[in-house]
Amino acid sequence: MESEIEDDHTWLAAYMSEAWDRHAEEYAAGVTDSIAKSWSFVNDLYAAADVAGTGGEGPWTLPIYGGRPVAHTPDADLRNPPMMYMDPPEVSRAAEFLAGVSFDELWNAVGTRLGGGGPDDPLVRQEYLEHHESLRGFYGRAALSGHAVVKVVWA
């Protein structure tokens, strides 16, 4: 099945605004995911999967920073985009990465550098595990359906 998402800023802005209004229902249905405040730390967790010399282009970047910026104007600064669009092949790569990576190995590698009470705090570890499992499920479902993913940072 092809994705119903249109790769157009005007369309995406309206779509995401409506989706945000239904966030609780869509989250419960598994068709959306969100990370409040700690998304850059979740990316840091995944960065532990990077191997020396691969730089920022590995699959570990996909769940948080992956995709292509969708600019709202031709002269928009694409380094600070309002939305990111991941096409279905990128979504599949993110899902494969998340399905294959060990949370425990990532946590052991970078848990001490993440925010909160540190790696020995079971509540902090649990928070990151929940983000990981939620992203794993979300990207897995999107990949199986052949869907694109749109990411928005709501400030």
N, C-alpha and C. Protein backbone atom coordinates (compact mmCIF):
# COMPACT_ATOMS: atom_id res chain seq x y z
N MET A 1 0.85 -1.18 0.00
CA MET A 1 0.00 0.00 0.00
C MET A 1 0.89 1.24 0.00
N GLU A 2 0.58 2.18 -0.85
CA GLU A 2 1.35 3.42 -0.90
C GLU A 2 0.98 4.33 0.24
N SER A 3 1.92 5.17 0.63
CA SER A 3 1.69 6.12 1.70
C SER A 3 0.69 7.18 1.25
N GLU A 4 -0.16 7.60 2.16
CA GLU A 4 -1.12 8.65 1.88
C GLU A 4 -0.55 10.04 2.12
N ILE A 5 0.65 10.11 2.67
CA ILE A 5 1.30 11.37 2.99
C ILE A 5 1.75 12.06 1.71
N GLU A 6 1.46 13.34 1.60
CA GLU A 6 1.92 14.13 0.45
C GLU A 6 3.17 14.89 0.85
N ASP A 7 4.12 14.91 -0.04
CA ASP A 7 5.41 15.57 0.19
C ASP A 7 5.30 17.04 -0.21
N ASP A 8 4.50 17.78 0.53
CA ASP A 8 4.23 19.18 0.24
C ASP A 8 4.02 19.90 1.57
N HIS A 9 4.71 21.01 1.80
CA HIS A 9 4.66 21.67 3.09
C HIS A 9 3.26 22.10 3.48
N THR A 10 2.52 22.71 2.59
CA THR A 10 1.17 23.18 2.92
C THR A 10 0.28 22.02 3.33
N TRP A 11 0.33 20.95 2.55
CA TRP A 11 -0.48 19.78 2.86
C TRP A 11 -0.04 19.17 4.20
N LEU A 12 1.29 19.03 4.38
CA LEU A 12 1.82 18.43 5.61
C LEU A 12 1.47 19.27 6.85
N ALA A 13 1.55 20.59 6.73
CA ALA A 13 1.24 21.44 7.87
C ALA A 13 -0.21 21.25 8.31
N ALA A 14 -1.13 21.20 7.36
CA ALA A 14 -2.54 20.99 7.69
C ALA A 14 -2.75 19.59 8.26
N TYR A 15 -2.13 18.60 7.65
CA TYR A 15 -2.25 17.22 8.10
C TYR A 15 -1.73 17.06 9.53
N MET A 16 -0.55 17.62 9.80
CA MET A 16 0.05 17.47 11.12
C MET A 16 -0.71 18.26 12.19
N SER A 17 -1.28 19.40 11.81
CA SER A 17 -2.09 20.17 12.74
C SER A 17 -3.32 19.36 13.16
N GLU A 18 -3.99 18.75 12.18
CA GLU A 18 -5.15 17.91 12.49
C GLU A 18 -4.73 16.70 13.32
N ALA A 19 -3.58 16.12 12.98
CA ALA A 19 -3.09 14.95 13.72
C ALA A 19 -2.79 15.34 15.18
N TRP A 20 -2.24 16.53 15.38
CA TRP A 20 -1.93 16.96 16.75
C TRP A 20 -3.21 17.12 17.56
N ASP A 21 -4.26 17.60 16.92
CA ASP A 21 -5.54 17.73 17.60
C ASP A 21 -6.09 16.37 18.04
N ARG A 22 -5.70 15.31 17.33
CA ARG A 22 -6.15 13.95 17.65
C ARG A 22 -5.02 13.12 18.27
N HIS A 23 -4.01 13.78 18.82
CA HIS A 23 -2.80 13.08 19.26
C HIS A 23 -3.08 11.93 20.21
N ALA A 24 -3.89 12.14 21.21
CA ALA A 24 -4.15 11.08 22.19
C ALA A 24 -4.75 9.84 21.53
N GLU A 25 -5.71 10.05 20.65
CA GLU A 25 -6.34 8.91 19.97
C GLU A 25 -5.37 8.22 19.02
N GLU A 26 -4.60 9.01 18.28
CA GLU A 26 -3.66 8.43 17.32
C GLU A 26 -2.52 7.71 18.05
N TYR A 27 -2.09 8.26 19.19
CA TYR A 27 -1.05 7.60 19.97
C TYR A 27 -1.56 6.25 20.48
N ALA A 28 -2.78 6.24 21.00
CA ALA A 28 -3.38 5.00 21.50
C ALA A 28 -3.55 3.98 20.38
N ALA A 29 -3.81 4.45 19.16
CA ALA A 29 -3.99 3.55 18.02
C ALA A 29 -2.65 3.10 17.41
N GLY A 30 -1.55 3.70 17.85
CA GLY A 30 -0.24 3.31 17.35
C GLY A 30 0.16 3.92 16.02
N VAL A 31 -0.55 4.98 15.60
CA VAL A 31 -0.22 5.60 14.32
C VAL A 31 0.58 6.89 14.48
N THR A 32 0.90 7.24 15.71
CA THR A 32 1.76 8.38 15.97
C THR A 32 2.64 8.05 17.17
N ASP A 33 3.71 8.78 17.30
CA ASP A 33 4.58 8.62 18.44
C ASP A 33 5.10 10.00 18.79
N SER A 34 5.49 10.19 20.04
CA SER A 34 6.03 11.49 20.42
C SER A 34 7.00 11.31 21.58
N ILE A 35 7.97 12.20 21.60
CA ILE A 35 8.96 12.22 22.67
C ILE A 35 9.00 13.65 23.19
N ALA A 36 8.68 13.83 24.45
CA ALA A 36 8.69 15.17 25.04
C ALA A 36 10.07 15.46 25.62
N LYS A 37 10.67 16.50 25.17
CA LYS A 37 11.90 17.10 25.71
C LYS A 37 13.17 16.29 25.54
N SER A 38 13.16 14.99 25.62
CA SER A 38 14.40 14.22 25.65
C SER A 38 14.77 13.60 24.30
N TRP A 39 14.20 14.10 23.19
CA TRP A 39 14.46 13.48 21.90
C TRP A 39 15.93 13.50 21.51
N SER A 40 16.67 14.56 21.85
CA SER A 40 18.10 14.58 21.50
C SER A 40 18.87 13.56 22.31
N PHE A 41 18.44 13.30 23.56
CA PHE A 41 19.08 12.26 24.37
C PHE A 41 18.78 10.87 23.81
N VAL A 42 17.57 10.68 23.28
CA VAL A 42 17.25 9.40 22.66
C VAL A 42 18.14 9.19 21.44
N ASN A 43 18.38 10.26 20.67
CA ASN A 43 19.32 10.15 19.55
C ASN A 43 20.71 9.79 20.05
N ASP A 44 21.14 10.39 21.17
CA ASP A 44 22.44 10.05 21.74
C ASP A 44 22.52 8.57 22.11
N LEU A 45 21.42 8.03 22.59
CA LEU A 45 21.37 6.61 22.90
C LEU A 45 21.64 5.79 21.64
N TYR A 46 20.98 6.15 20.54
CA TYR A 46 21.15 5.40 19.30
C TYR A 46 22.53 5.61 18.68
N ALA A 47 23.14 6.76 18.96
CA ALA A 47 24.47 7.03 18.42
C ALA A 47 25.49 6.02 18.92
N ALA A 48 25.22 5.38 20.05
CA ALA A 48 26.13 4.36 20.57
C ALA A 48 26.24 3.17 19.61
N ALA A 49 25.28 3.01 18.71
CA ALA A 49 25.32 1.92 17.75
C ALA A 49 26.23 2.24 16.57
N ASP A 50 26.65 3.50 16.45
CA ASP A 50 27.53 3.90 15.35
C ASP A 50 28.89 3.23 15.53
N VAL A 51 29.45 2.79 14.44
CA VAL A 51 30.80 2.23 14.49
C VAL A 51 31.79 3.28 14.05
N ALA A 52 33.00 3.21 14.54
CA ALA A 52 34.03 4.21 14.23
C ALA A 52 34.15 4.40 12.72
N GLY A 53 34.18 5.66 12.34
CA GLY A 53 34.41 5.99 10.94
C GLY A 53 33.18 6.11 10.07
N THR A 54 31.97 5.83 10.60
CA THR A 54 30.80 5.92 9.74
C THR A 54 30.17 7.30 9.77
N GLY A 55 30.58 8.15 10.69
CA GLY A 55 30.04 9.50 10.73
C GLY A 55 28.57 9.54 11.04
N GLY A 56 27.88 10.58 10.56
CA GLY A 56 26.48 10.79 10.88
C GLY A 56 25.51 10.20 9.88
N GLU A 57 25.96 9.33 9.00
CA GLU A 57 25.09 8.83 7.95
C GLU A 57 24.56 7.43 8.21
N GLY A 58 24.86 6.88 9.36
CA GLY A 58 24.43 5.52 9.66
C GLY A 58 22.95 5.44 9.97
N PRO A 59 22.43 4.21 10.04
CA PRO A 59 21.00 4.04 10.32
C PRO A 59 20.59 4.52 11.71
N TRP A 60 21.54 4.68 12.61
CA TRP A 60 21.20 5.15 13.96
C TRP A 60 20.63 6.56 13.94
N THR A 61 20.90 7.34 12.90
CA THR A 61 20.37 8.71 12.82
C THR A 61 18.90 8.74 12.41
N LEU A 62 18.42 7.68 11.80
CA LEU A 62 17.08 7.70 11.21
C LEU A 62 15.92 7.90 12.19
N PRO A 63 15.87 7.19 13.31
CA PRO A 63 14.67 7.33 14.15
C PRO A 63 14.40 8.76 14.63
N ILE A 64 15.44 9.53 14.90
CA ILE A 64 15.23 10.88 15.42
C ILE A 64 15.48 11.95 14.36
N TYR A 65 16.62 11.90 13.70
CA TYR A 65 16.99 12.96 12.75
C TYR A 65 16.85 12.59 11.29
N GLY A 66 16.40 11.40 11.00
CA GLY A 66 16.31 10.96 9.61
C GLY A 66 15.25 11.70 8.82
N GLY A 67 15.41 11.67 7.53
CA GLY A 67 14.44 12.29 6.64
C GLY A 67 14.99 13.52 5.96
N ARG A 68 14.16 14.08 5.14
CA ARG A 68 14.52 15.26 4.36
C ARG A 68 13.71 16.44 4.86
N PRO A 69 14.36 17.60 5.05
CA PRO A 69 13.61 18.78 5.47
C PRO A 69 12.56 19.17 4.43
N VAL A 70 11.40 19.57 4.91
CA VAL A 70 10.34 20.09 4.05
C VAL A 70 10.22 21.57 4.36
N ALA A 71 10.71 22.38 3.46
CA ALA A 71 10.75 23.83 3.68
C ALA A 71 9.40 24.47 3.42
N HIS A 72 9.08 25.50 4.21
CA HIS A 72 7.82 26.21 4.02
C HIS A 72 7.94 27.33 3.00
N THR A 73 9.16 27.77 2.70
CA THR A 73 9.40 28.75 1.65
C THR A 73 10.68 28.37 0.93
N PRO A 74 10.87 28.85 -0.30
CA PRO A 74 12.09 28.51 -1.04
C PRO A 74 13.37 28.96 -0.35
N ASP A 75 13.31 30.03 0.45
CA ASP A 75 14.52 30.53 1.11
C ASP A 75 14.62 30.12 2.58
N ALA A 76 13.84 29.14 3.00
CA ALA A 76 13.85 28.68 4.39
C ALA A 76 15.20 28.05 4.73
N ASP A 77 15.60 28.19 5.97
CA ASP A 77 16.83 27.59 6.47
C ASP A 77 16.58 26.11 6.72
N LEU A 78 17.11 25.25 5.85
CA LEU A 78 16.87 23.82 5.96
C LEU A 78 17.65 23.16 7.10
N ARG A 79 18.55 23.91 7.75
CA ARG A 79 19.25 23.36 8.90
C ARG A 79 18.37 23.37 10.14
N ASN A 80 17.26 24.12 10.10
CA ASN A 80 16.33 24.18 11.21
C ASN A 80 14.92 24.02 10.66
N PRO A 81 14.61 22.83 10.12
CA PRO A 81 13.34 22.67 9.41
C PRO A 81 12.15 22.52 10.36
N PRO A 82 11.00 22.95 9.89
CA PRO A 82 9.80 22.76 10.70
C PRO A 82 9.31 21.31 10.64
N MET A 83 9.64 20.60 9.57
CA MET A 83 9.20 19.22 9.40
C MET A 83 10.26 18.42 8.65
N MET A 84 10.28 17.12 8.93
CA MET A 84 11.15 16.20 8.22
C MET A 84 10.26 15.12 7.61
N TYR A 85 10.56 14.75 6.37
CA TYR A 85 9.78 13.74 5.65
C TYR A 85 10.67 12.52 5.41
N MET A 86 10.23 11.36 5.87
CA MET A 86 10.93 10.10 5.62
C MET A 86 10.09 9.28 4.66
N ASP A 87 10.68 8.95 3.51
CA ASP A 87 9.94 8.14 2.56
C ASP A 87 9.90 6.68 3.04
N PRO A 88 9.04 5.86 2.46
CA PRO A 88 8.89 4.49 2.93
C PRO A 88 10.20 3.67 2.99
N PRO A 89 11.13 3.80 2.03
CA PRO A 89 12.38 3.06 2.19
C PRO A 89 13.19 3.49 3.42
N GLU A 90 13.20 4.79 3.73
CA GLU A 90 13.88 5.26 4.94
C GLU A 90 13.20 4.74 6.20
N VAL A 91 11.89 4.71 6.17
CA VAL A 91 11.13 4.19 7.30
C VAL A 91 11.49 2.71 7.53
N SER A 92 11.61 1.96 6.45
CA SER A 92 11.99 0.55 6.56
C SER A 92 13.39 0.40 7.13
N ARG A 93 14.32 1.24 6.71
CA ARG A 93 15.68 1.19 7.25
C ARG A 93 15.68 1.51 8.75
N ALA A 94 14.89 2.51 9.15
CA ALA A 94 14.79 2.84 10.58
C ALA A 94 14.20 1.67 11.37
N ALA A 95 13.17 1.06 10.82
CA ALA A 95 12.54 -0.08 11.49
C ALA A 95 13.51 -1.24 11.62
N GLU A 96 14.28 -1.51 10.58
CA GLU A 96 15.27 -2.59 10.63
C GLU A 96 16.34 -2.30 11.68
N PHE A 97 16.79 -1.05 11.74
CA PHE A 97 17.78 -0.68 12.75
C PHE A 97 17.23 -0.90 14.15
N LEU A 98 16.03 -0.39 14.40
CA LEU A 98 15.44 -0.50 15.74
C LEU A 98 15.17 -1.94 16.13
N ALA A 99 14.78 -2.76 15.16
CA ALA A 99 14.51 -4.17 15.45
C ALA A 99 15.79 -4.94 15.77
N GLY A 100 16.91 -4.48 15.22
CA GLY A 100 18.15 -5.22 15.38
C GLY A 100 19.08 -4.73 16.46
N VAL A 101 18.82 -3.56 17.02
CA VAL A 101 19.73 -2.99 18.01
C VAL A 101 19.32 -3.44 19.42
N SER A 102 20.31 -3.68 20.25
CA SER A 102 20.06 -4.09 21.63
C SER A 102 20.00 -2.87 22.54
N PHE A 103 18.85 -2.66 23.17
CA PHE A 103 18.73 -1.54 24.09
C PHE A 103 19.75 -1.66 25.22
N ASP A 104 19.90 -2.85 25.76
CA ASP A 104 20.83 -3.03 26.89
C ASP A 104 22.26 -2.65 26.49
N GLU A 105 22.69 -3.04 25.30
CA GLU A 105 24.04 -2.68 24.85
C GLU A 105 24.18 -1.17 24.67
N LEU A 106 23.15 -0.54 24.11
CA LEU A 106 23.19 0.91 23.95
C LEU A 106 23.25 1.59 25.31
N TRP A 107 22.40 1.14 26.23
CA TRP A 107 22.33 1.75 27.55
C TRP A 107 23.67 1.60 28.27
N ASN A 108 24.27 0.43 28.17
CA ASN A 108 25.56 0.22 28.82
C ASN A 108 26.64 1.11 28.24
N ALA A 109 26.52 1.44 26.95
CA ALA A 109 27.53 2.27 26.29
C ALA A 109 27.39 3.75 26.61
N VAL A 110 26.16 4.27 26.74
CA VAL A 110 26.00 5.72 26.87
C VAL A 110 25.11 6.17 28.02
N GLY A 111 24.59 5.27 28.80
CA GLY A 111 23.68 5.64 29.87
C GLY A 111 24.24 6.69 30.81
N THR A 112 25.54 6.66 31.07
CA THR A 112 26.14 7.63 31.99
C THR A 112 26.12 9.05 31.45
N ARG A 113 26.00 9.20 30.14
CA ARG A 113 26.03 10.54 29.54
C ARG A 113 24.64 11.13 29.34
N LEU A 114 23.61 10.38 29.61
CA LEU A 114 22.26 10.87 29.35
C LEU A 114 21.72 11.62 30.56
N GLY A 115 20.73 12.46 30.32
CA GLY A 115 20.17 13.31 31.37
C GLY A 115 19.46 12.53 32.46
N GLY A 116 19.06 13.23 33.46
CA GLY A 116 18.32 12.62 34.55
C GLY A 116 19.23 12.14 35.66
N GLY A 117 18.80 11.10 36.33
CA GLY A 117 19.52 10.58 37.48
C GLY A 117 20.68 9.67 37.15
N GLY A 118 20.97 9.46 35.87
CA GLY A 118 22.10 8.63 35.50
C GLY A 118 21.70 7.20 35.23
N PRO A 119 22.63 6.39 34.75
CA PRO A 119 22.33 5.03 34.32
C PRO A 119 21.92 4.09 35.45
N ASP A 120 22.27 4.45 36.67
CA ASP A 120 21.90 3.59 37.80
C ASP A 120 20.51 3.88 38.32
N ASP A 121 19.90 4.94 37.81
CA ASP A 121 18.54 5.30 38.22
C ASP A 121 17.56 4.47 37.39
N PRO A 122 16.84 3.54 38.01
CA PRO A 122 15.95 2.68 37.24
C PRO A 122 14.82 3.44 36.54
N LEU A 123 14.42 4.59 37.07
CA LEU A 123 13.37 5.37 36.42
C LEU A 123 13.85 5.99 35.13
N VAL A 124 15.10 6.46 35.11
CA VAL A 124 15.67 7.04 33.90
C VAL A 124 15.82 5.95 32.84
N ARG A 125 16.37 4.82 33.22
CA ARG A 125 16.53 3.71 32.29
C ARG A 125 15.17 3.31 31.72
N GLN A 126 14.17 3.21 32.57
CA GLN A 126 12.83 2.82 32.13
C GLN A 126 12.26 3.81 31.13
N GLU A 127 12.49 5.10 31.36
CA GLU A 127 12.00 6.12 30.43
C GLU A 127 12.59 5.91 29.04
N TYR A 128 13.90 5.67 28.96
CA TYR A 128 14.54 5.47 27.67
C TYR A 128 14.11 4.15 27.03
N LEU A 129 13.93 3.13 27.82
CA LEU A 129 13.45 1.86 27.30
C LEU A 129 12.06 2.03 26.70
N GLU A 130 11.20 2.78 27.38
CA GLU A 130 9.85 3.02 26.85
C GLU A 130 9.89 3.80 25.54
N HIS A 131 10.77 4.81 25.45
CA HIS A 131 10.91 5.53 24.18
C HIS A 131 11.37 4.57 23.08
N HIS A 132 12.35 3.74 23.40
CA HIS A 132 12.89 2.80 22.42
C HIS A 132 11.81 1.83 21.95
N GLU A 133 11.09 1.23 22.88
CA GLU A 133 10.05 0.27 22.51
C GLU A 133 8.93 0.94 21.72
N SER A 134 8.59 2.16 22.09
CA SER A 134 7.55 2.89 21.37
C SER A 134 7.99 3.20 19.94
N LEU A 135 9.22 3.68 19.78
CA LEU A 135 9.73 3.96 18.44
C LEU A 135 9.86 2.68 17.62
N ARG A 136 10.30 1.61 18.25
CA ARG A 136 10.43 0.32 17.56
C ARG A 136 9.07 -0.11 17.00
N GLY A 137 8.04 -0.03 17.83
CA GLY A 137 6.71 -0.41 17.37
C GLY A 137 6.17 0.51 16.29
N PHE A 138 6.33 1.81 16.51
CA PHE A 138 5.83 2.80 15.54
C PHE A 138 6.47 2.61 14.17
N TYR A 139 7.80 2.58 14.13
CA TYR A 139 8.48 2.43 12.83
C TYR A 139 8.21 1.06 12.22
N GLY A 140 8.10 0.04 13.04
CA GLY A 140 7.79 -1.29 12.53
C GLY A 140 6.43 -1.34 11.85
N ARG A 141 5.43 -0.75 12.49
CA ARG A 141 4.09 -0.71 11.90
C ARG A 141 4.07 0.12 10.62
N ALA A 142 4.74 1.27 10.64
CA ALA A 142 4.78 2.13 9.45
C ALA A 142 5.47 1.41 8.30
N ALA A 143 6.56 0.72 8.58
CA ALA A 143 7.30 0.01 7.53
C ALA A 143 6.44 -1.11 6.95
N LEU A 144 5.79 -1.89 7.81
CA LEU A 144 4.94 -2.98 7.32
C LEU A 144 3.80 -2.47 6.44
N SER A 145 3.33 -1.27 6.71
CA SER A 145 2.25 -0.68 5.93
C SER A 145 2.73 0.06 4.70
N GLY A 146 4.05 0.23 4.57
CA GLY A 146 4.60 0.97 3.43
C GLY A 146 4.36 2.47 3.54
N HIS A 147 4.28 2.97 4.77
CA HIS A 147 3.99 4.38 4.98
C HIS A 147 5.25 5.24 5.10
N ALA A 148 5.08 6.50 4.77
CA ALA A 148 6.09 7.52 5.04
C ALA A 148 5.89 7.98 6.49
N VAL A 149 6.86 8.72 7.00
CA VAL A 149 6.76 9.29 8.35
C VAL A 149 7.10 10.77 8.26
N VAL A 150 6.34 11.58 8.95
CA VAL A 150 6.60 13.01 9.04
C VAL A 150 6.92 13.33 10.49
N LYS A 151 8.03 14.06 10.69
CA LYS A 151 8.42 14.46 12.03
C LYS A 151 8.28 15.96 12.16
N VAL A 152 7.75 16.38 13.29
CA VAL A 152 7.57 17.80 13.57
C VAL A 152 8.06 18.06 14.98
N VAL A 153 8.80 19.14 15.16
CA VAL A 153 9.20 19.57 16.50
C VAL A 153 8.24 20.68 16.90
N TRP A 154 7.41 20.39 17.88
CA TRP A 154 6.46 21.38 18.37
C TRP A 154 7.13 22.13 19.51
N ALA A 155 7.29 23.43 19.33
CA ALA A 155 7.95 24.24 20.36
C ALA A 155 6.93 24.93 21.23
